[in-house]
Amino acid sequence: MAQPGRKRSYSVFFSGFAIGVLTVFIVLYFTAPQLLLPPQPKPHAPVKAPYEYYVILDEATGATIMYVSVVTVNPGDELITEDNKRYVVIRVEENRAYARYVEDVNVRTKREPAP
């Protein structure tokens, strides 16, 4: 059987050890973020030079479909002309966008009755 003084010294040792380990973890928890380097911001993508207007051309014929100002034209954009033809922009070179004919659409105006 162990002596009572020895039990007490073991319990004091282990409780002191546990308090020391806990203190180290608490100190590291609060000081480690200041010791690490802060996250670096992502570099910004180069800004594309905006144009005052874009000319949208028919890919097959090269005919001018329309002029667009205020917005940037990107590949994948769709447009419907005043004669109800739907086009999709397939490529953009500087301020010229080339569009491919997709289909004729039926656009209802306010004057036409709803079906």
N, C-alpha and C. Protein backbone atom coordinates (compact mmCIF):
# COMPACT_ATOMS: atom_id res chain seq x y z
N MET A 1 0.84 -1.16 0.00
CA MET A 1 0.00 0.00 0.00
C MET A 1 0.89 1.23 0.00
N ALA A 2 0.50 2.20 -0.79
CA ALA A 2 1.32 3.41 -0.91
C ALA A 2 1.12 4.30 0.29
N GLN A 3 2.13 5.05 0.57
CA GLN A 3 2.07 5.94 1.72
C GLN A 3 1.22 7.16 1.38
N PRO A 4 0.49 7.73 2.39
CA PRO A 4 -0.38 8.88 2.12
C PRO A 4 0.39 10.09 1.60
N GLY A 5 1.58 10.32 2.03
CA GLY A 5 2.37 11.47 1.56
C GLY A 5 2.76 11.33 0.10
N ARG A 6 3.01 10.07 -0.32
CA ARG A 6 3.36 9.83 -1.71
C ARG A 6 2.17 10.08 -2.64
N LYS A 7 0.98 9.63 -2.23
CA LYS A 7 -0.22 9.86 -3.04
C LYS A 7 -0.44 11.35 -3.23
N ARG A 8 -0.27 12.07 -2.16
CA ARG A 8 -0.48 13.52 -2.23
C ARG A 8 0.55 14.16 -3.16
N SER A 9 1.80 13.71 -3.10
CA SER A 9 2.81 14.31 -3.95
C SER A 9 2.57 13.98 -5.43
N TYR A 10 2.07 12.75 -5.72
CA TYR A 10 1.72 12.41 -7.10
C TYR A 10 0.57 13.27 -7.61
N SER A 11 -0.45 13.44 -6.77
CA SER A 11 -1.61 14.23 -7.19
C SER A 11 -1.23 15.71 -7.38
N VAL A 12 -0.35 16.22 -6.52
CA VAL A 12 0.11 17.59 -6.67
C VAL A 12 0.92 17.73 -7.96
N PHE A 13 1.77 16.73 -8.22
CA PHE A 13 2.59 16.77 -9.44
C PHE A 13 1.71 16.74 -10.69
N PHE A 14 0.76 15.81 -10.75
CA PHE A 14 -0.08 15.68 -11.94
C PHE A 14 -1.02 16.87 -12.10
N SER A 15 -1.56 17.39 -11.01
CA SER A 15 -2.42 18.57 -11.14
C SER A 15 -1.61 19.79 -11.57
N GLY A 16 -0.39 19.94 -11.06
CA GLY A 16 0.48 21.03 -11.50
C GLY A 16 0.86 20.88 -12.96
N PHE A 17 1.14 19.63 -13.36
CA PHE A 17 1.47 19.36 -14.77
C PHE A 17 0.29 19.70 -15.67
N ALA A 18 -0.93 19.30 -15.28
CA ALA A 18 -2.13 19.58 -16.07
C ALA A 18 -2.39 21.08 -16.17
N ILE A 19 -2.19 21.80 -15.07
CA ILE A 19 -2.39 23.26 -15.08
C ILE A 19 -1.35 23.91 -15.98
N GLY A 20 -0.11 23.43 -15.95
CA GLY A 20 0.94 23.96 -16.81
C GLY A 20 0.65 23.74 -18.28
N VAL A 21 0.22 22.53 -18.63
CA VAL A 21 -0.12 22.22 -20.03
C VAL A 21 -1.30 23.08 -20.47
N LEU A 22 -2.31 23.20 -19.64
CA LEU A 22 -3.47 24.03 -19.97
C LEU A 22 -3.06 25.49 -20.16
N THR A 23 -2.18 25.98 -19.33
CA THR A 23 -1.70 27.37 -19.44
C THR A 23 -0.94 27.57 -20.75
N VAL A 24 -0.10 26.61 -21.13
CA VAL A 24 0.64 26.71 -22.39
C VAL A 24 -0.33 26.75 -23.57
N PHE A 25 -1.34 25.87 -23.57
CA PHE A 25 -2.31 25.86 -24.66
C PHE A 25 -3.09 27.17 -24.73
N ILE A 26 -3.47 27.72 -23.61
CA ILE A 26 -4.21 28.99 -23.60
C ILE A 26 -3.33 30.12 -24.14
N VAL A 27 -2.10 30.16 -23.71
CA VAL A 27 -1.18 31.20 -24.19
C VAL A 27 -0.97 31.07 -25.69
N LEU A 28 -0.74 29.85 -26.18
CA LEU A 28 -0.55 29.64 -27.63
C LEU A 28 -1.81 29.96 -28.42
N TYR A 29 -2.97 29.65 -27.84
CA TYR A 29 -4.23 29.91 -28.54
C TYR A 29 -4.42 31.41 -28.81
N PHE A 30 -4.05 32.24 -27.85
CA PHE A 30 -4.26 33.67 -28.00
C PHE A 30 -3.09 34.39 -28.66
N THR A 31 -1.89 33.83 -28.61
CA THR A 31 -0.73 34.53 -29.20
C THR A 31 -0.36 34.01 -30.58
N ALA A 32 -0.72 32.78 -30.93
CA ALA A 32 -0.33 32.22 -32.22
C ALA A 32 -0.86 33.03 -33.40
N PRO A 33 -2.10 33.53 -33.40
CA PRO A 33 -2.55 34.33 -34.56
C PRO A 33 -1.71 35.58 -34.79
N GLN A 34 -1.18 36.18 -33.72
CA GLN A 34 -0.34 37.37 -33.90
C GLN A 34 1.04 36.99 -34.43
N LEU A 35 1.49 35.78 -34.16
CA LEU A 35 2.81 35.35 -34.61
C LEU A 35 2.81 34.91 -36.06
N LEU A 36 1.66 34.46 -36.56
CA LEU A 36 1.57 34.01 -37.95
C LEU A 36 1.44 35.20 -38.88
N LEU A 37 1.82 35.00 -40.14
CA LEU A 37 1.69 36.06 -41.13
C LEU A 37 0.22 36.26 -41.48
N PRO A 38 -0.21 37.48 -41.68
CA PRO A 38 -1.61 37.71 -42.06
C PRO A 38 -1.85 37.22 -43.49
N PRO A 39 -3.08 36.83 -43.81
CA PRO A 39 -3.36 36.36 -45.17
C PRO A 39 -3.17 37.48 -46.19
N GLN A 40 -2.63 37.13 -47.33
CA GLN A 40 -2.38 38.10 -48.38
C GLN A 40 -3.61 38.20 -49.29
N PRO A 41 -3.99 39.40 -49.73
CA PRO A 41 -5.14 39.53 -50.63
C PRO A 41 -4.82 38.95 -52.01
N LYS A 42 -5.87 38.48 -52.68
CA LYS A 42 -5.70 37.95 -54.03
C LYS A 42 -5.32 39.09 -54.97
N PRO A 43 -4.44 38.83 -55.91
CA PRO A 43 -4.13 39.88 -56.89
C PRO A 43 -5.34 40.12 -57.79
N HIS A 44 -5.56 41.35 -58.14
CA HIS A 44 -6.69 41.69 -58.99
C HIS A 44 -6.38 41.36 -60.44
N ALA A 45 -7.40 40.90 -61.14
CA ALA A 45 -7.24 40.61 -62.56
C ALA A 45 -7.07 41.94 -63.31
N PRO A 46 -6.30 41.93 -64.35
CA PRO A 46 -6.15 43.18 -65.09
C PRO A 46 -7.50 43.63 -65.66
N VAL A 47 -7.74 44.91 -65.58
CA VAL A 47 -9.01 45.46 -66.03
C VAL A 47 -8.99 45.58 -67.55
N LYS A 48 -10.03 45.05 -68.15
CA LYS A 48 -10.14 45.11 -69.60
C LYS A 48 -10.50 46.54 -70.00
N ALA A 49 -9.83 47.02 -71.03
CA ALA A 49 -10.07 48.39 -71.47
C ALA A 49 -11.49 48.52 -72.02
N PRO A 50 -12.31 49.33 -71.40
CA PRO A 50 -13.68 49.49 -71.91
C PRO A 50 -13.70 50.34 -73.18
N TYR A 51 -14.61 50.01 -74.02
CA TYR A 51 -14.78 50.78 -75.26
C TYR A 51 -16.04 51.61 -75.14
N GLU A 52 -16.11 52.68 -75.91
CA GLU A 52 -17.30 53.52 -75.88
C GLU A 52 -18.50 52.80 -76.47
N TYR A 53 -18.26 51.92 -77.43
CA TYR A 53 -19.35 51.17 -78.04
C TYR A 53 -18.78 49.88 -78.62
N TYR A 54 -19.67 48.93 -78.87
CA TYR A 54 -19.32 47.67 -79.53
C TYR A 54 -20.14 47.56 -80.80
N VAL A 55 -19.54 47.02 -81.83
CA VAL A 55 -20.23 46.76 -83.09
C VAL A 55 -20.46 45.25 -83.14
N ILE A 56 -21.70 44.84 -83.25
CA ILE A 56 -22.01 43.41 -83.33
C ILE A 56 -22.24 43.07 -84.79
N LEU A 57 -21.44 42.13 -85.28
CA LEU A 57 -21.47 41.75 -86.69
C LEU A 57 -21.98 40.32 -86.82
N ASP A 58 -22.67 40.05 -87.95
CA ASP A 58 -23.11 38.69 -88.26
C ASP A 58 -21.89 37.89 -88.65
N GLU A 59 -21.72 36.73 -88.06
CA GLU A 59 -20.54 35.91 -88.33
C GLU A 59 -20.50 35.44 -89.79
N ALA A 60 -21.65 35.07 -90.34
CA ALA A 60 -21.68 34.51 -91.69
C ALA A 60 -21.52 35.58 -92.77
N THR A 61 -22.21 36.68 -92.65
CA THR A 61 -22.21 37.68 -93.72
C THR A 61 -21.31 38.87 -93.44
N GLY A 62 -20.99 39.12 -92.18
CA GLY A 62 -20.19 40.29 -91.83
C GLY A 62 -21.00 41.57 -91.76
N ALA A 63 -22.31 41.46 -91.91
CA ALA A 63 -23.19 42.62 -91.86
C ALA A 63 -23.32 43.11 -90.41
N THR A 64 -23.46 44.41 -90.26
CA THR A 64 -23.62 44.99 -88.94
C THR A 64 -25.03 44.70 -88.43
N ILE A 65 -25.12 44.09 -87.26
CA ILE A 65 -26.42 43.80 -86.65
C ILE A 65 -26.87 44.98 -85.80
N MET A 66 -25.97 45.45 -84.93
CA MET A 66 -26.31 46.59 -84.09
C MET A 66 -25.06 47.17 -83.44
N TYR A 67 -25.23 48.37 -82.91
CA TYR A 67 -24.21 49.03 -82.11
C TYR A 67 -24.69 48.99 -80.66
N VAL A 68 -23.78 48.70 -79.75
CA VAL A 68 -24.14 48.62 -78.34
C VAL A 68 -23.21 49.54 -77.56
N SER A 69 -23.79 50.39 -76.74
CA SER A 69 -22.99 51.23 -75.87
C SER A 69 -23.39 50.97 -74.43
N VAL A 70 -22.64 51.46 -73.50
CA VAL A 70 -22.89 51.40 -72.05
C VAL A 70 -22.51 50.03 -71.45
N VAL A 71 -22.80 48.92 -72.09
CA VAL A 71 -22.50 47.61 -71.53
C VAL A 71 -21.33 46.97 -72.26
N THR A 72 -20.67 46.05 -71.58
CA THR A 72 -19.59 45.29 -72.19
C THR A 72 -20.17 44.04 -72.83
N VAL A 73 -19.78 43.74 -74.04
CA VAL A 73 -20.25 42.56 -74.75
C VAL A 73 -19.26 41.44 -74.52
N ASN A 74 -19.76 40.26 -74.15
CA ASN A 74 -18.93 39.09 -73.87
C ASN A 74 -19.41 37.89 -74.67
N PRO A 75 -18.54 36.93 -74.95
CA PRO A 75 -18.99 35.70 -75.61
C PRO A 75 -20.08 35.02 -74.77
N GLY A 76 -21.10 34.52 -75.44
CA GLY A 76 -22.22 33.88 -74.76
C GLY A 76 -23.41 34.81 -74.59
N ASP A 77 -23.23 36.10 -74.79
CA ASP A 77 -24.35 37.04 -74.70
C ASP A 77 -25.32 36.76 -75.85
N GLU A 78 -26.59 36.96 -75.59
CA GLU A 78 -27.61 36.75 -76.61
C GLU A 78 -28.29 38.08 -76.91
N LEU A 79 -28.79 38.19 -78.15
CA LEU A 79 -29.52 39.39 -78.52
C LEU A 79 -30.60 39.03 -79.52
N ILE A 80 -31.66 39.82 -79.52
CA ILE A 80 -32.75 39.66 -80.48
C ILE A 80 -32.85 40.97 -81.24
N THR A 81 -32.79 40.86 -82.57
CA THR A 81 -32.83 42.05 -83.41
C THR A 81 -34.27 42.52 -83.57
N GLU A 82 -34.42 43.69 -84.20
CA GLU A 82 -35.77 44.22 -84.37
C GLU A 82 -36.59 43.43 -85.38
N ASP A 83 -35.95 42.58 -86.20
CA ASP A 83 -36.72 41.70 -87.09
C ASP A 83 -36.86 40.30 -86.49
N ASN A 84 -36.77 40.19 -85.15
CA ASN A 84 -37.03 38.98 -84.37
C ASN A 84 -36.11 37.80 -84.71
N LYS A 85 -34.84 38.09 -84.87
CA LYS A 85 -33.85 37.04 -85.07
C LYS A 85 -32.97 36.99 -83.83
N ARG A 86 -32.75 35.78 -83.31
CA ARG A 86 -31.94 35.61 -82.10
C ARG A 86 -30.52 35.24 -82.50
N TYR A 87 -29.55 35.93 -81.90
CA TYR A 87 -28.13 35.69 -82.16
C TYR A 87 -27.43 35.43 -80.83
N VAL A 88 -26.29 34.73 -80.90
CA VAL A 88 -25.43 34.50 -79.74
C VAL A 88 -24.03 34.99 -80.12
N VAL A 89 -23.45 35.80 -79.25
CA VAL A 89 -22.10 36.31 -79.48
C VAL A 89 -21.13 35.17 -79.27
N ILE A 90 -20.27 34.91 -80.27
CA ILE A 90 -19.33 33.80 -80.16
C ILE A 90 -17.90 34.24 -79.88
N ARG A 91 -17.54 35.46 -80.33
CA ARG A 91 -16.21 35.96 -80.01
C ARG A 91 -16.21 37.48 -80.05
N VAL A 92 -15.27 38.05 -79.30
CA VAL A 92 -15.14 39.50 -79.22
C VAL A 92 -13.68 39.85 -79.50
N GLU A 93 -13.46 40.72 -80.45
CA GLU A 93 -12.11 41.21 -80.78
C GLU A 93 -12.15 42.72 -80.68
N GLU A 94 -11.45 43.25 -79.69
CA GLU A 94 -11.47 44.68 -79.39
C GLU A 94 -12.90 45.15 -79.22
N ASN A 95 -13.39 46.05 -80.08
CA ASN A 95 -14.78 46.49 -79.92
C ASN A 95 -15.70 45.89 -80.98
N ARG A 96 -15.25 44.80 -81.62
CA ARG A 96 -16.08 44.09 -82.59
C ARG A 96 -16.49 42.75 -82.01
N ALA A 97 -17.79 42.50 -82.00
CA ALA A 97 -18.31 41.22 -81.52
C ALA A 97 -18.94 40.49 -82.69
N TYR A 98 -18.66 39.21 -82.81
CA TYR A 98 -19.20 38.41 -83.89
C TYR A 98 -20.28 37.49 -83.32
N ALA A 99 -21.46 37.55 -83.93
CA ALA A 99 -22.62 36.80 -83.43
C ALA A 99 -23.07 35.77 -84.45
N ARG A 100 -23.55 34.65 -83.95
CA ARG A 100 -24.03 33.56 -84.80
C ARG A 100 -25.56 33.51 -84.70
N TYR A 101 -26.20 33.41 -85.87
CA TYR A 101 -27.66 33.31 -85.94
C TYR A 101 -28.10 31.99 -85.31
N VAL A 102 -29.16 32.05 -84.47
CA VAL A 102 -29.66 30.85 -83.81
C VAL A 102 -31.04 30.47 -84.34
N GLU A 103 -32.00 31.42 -84.27
CA GLU A 103 -33.37 31.10 -84.69
C GLU A 103 -34.20 32.37 -84.82
N ASP A 104 -35.34 32.21 -85.47
CA ASP A 104 -36.34 33.28 -85.47
C ASP A 104 -37.21 33.09 -84.23
N VAL A 105 -37.55 34.19 -83.58
CA VAL A 105 -38.39 34.11 -82.39
C VAL A 105 -39.66 34.90 -82.62
N ASN A 106 -40.69 34.54 -81.84
CA ASN A 106 -41.96 35.24 -81.93
C ASN A 106 -42.06 36.13 -80.71
N VAL A 107 -41.81 37.42 -80.91
CA VAL A 107 -41.87 38.37 -79.81
C VAL A 107 -43.20 39.10 -79.90
N ARG A 108 -43.98 39.01 -78.82
CA ARG A 108 -45.29 39.64 -78.79
C ARG A 108 -45.14 41.08 -78.32
N THR A 109 -45.78 42.01 -79.00
CA THR A 109 -45.74 43.40 -78.59
C THR A 109 -46.96 43.70 -77.71
N LYS A 110 -47.02 44.89 -77.14
CA LYS A 110 -48.14 45.26 -76.29
C LYS A 110 -49.44 45.37 -77.09
N ARG A 111 -49.32 45.66 -78.35
CA ARG A 111 -50.53 45.83 -79.17
C ARG A 111 -51.18 44.51 -79.55
N GLU A 112 -50.38 43.43 -79.53
CA GLU A 112 -50.93 42.13 -79.91
C GLU A 112 -51.62 41.50 -78.71
N PRO A 113 -52.75 40.83 -78.92
CA PRO A 113 -53.43 40.17 -77.80
C PRO A 113 -52.64 38.93 -77.34
N ALA A 114 -52.77 38.63 -76.07
CA ALA A 114 -52.10 37.45 -75.52
C ALA A 114 -52.79 36.19 -76.02
N PRO A 115 -52.06 35.13 -76.23
CA PRO A 115 -52.69 33.87 -76.75
C PRO A 115 -53.54 33.21 -75.69
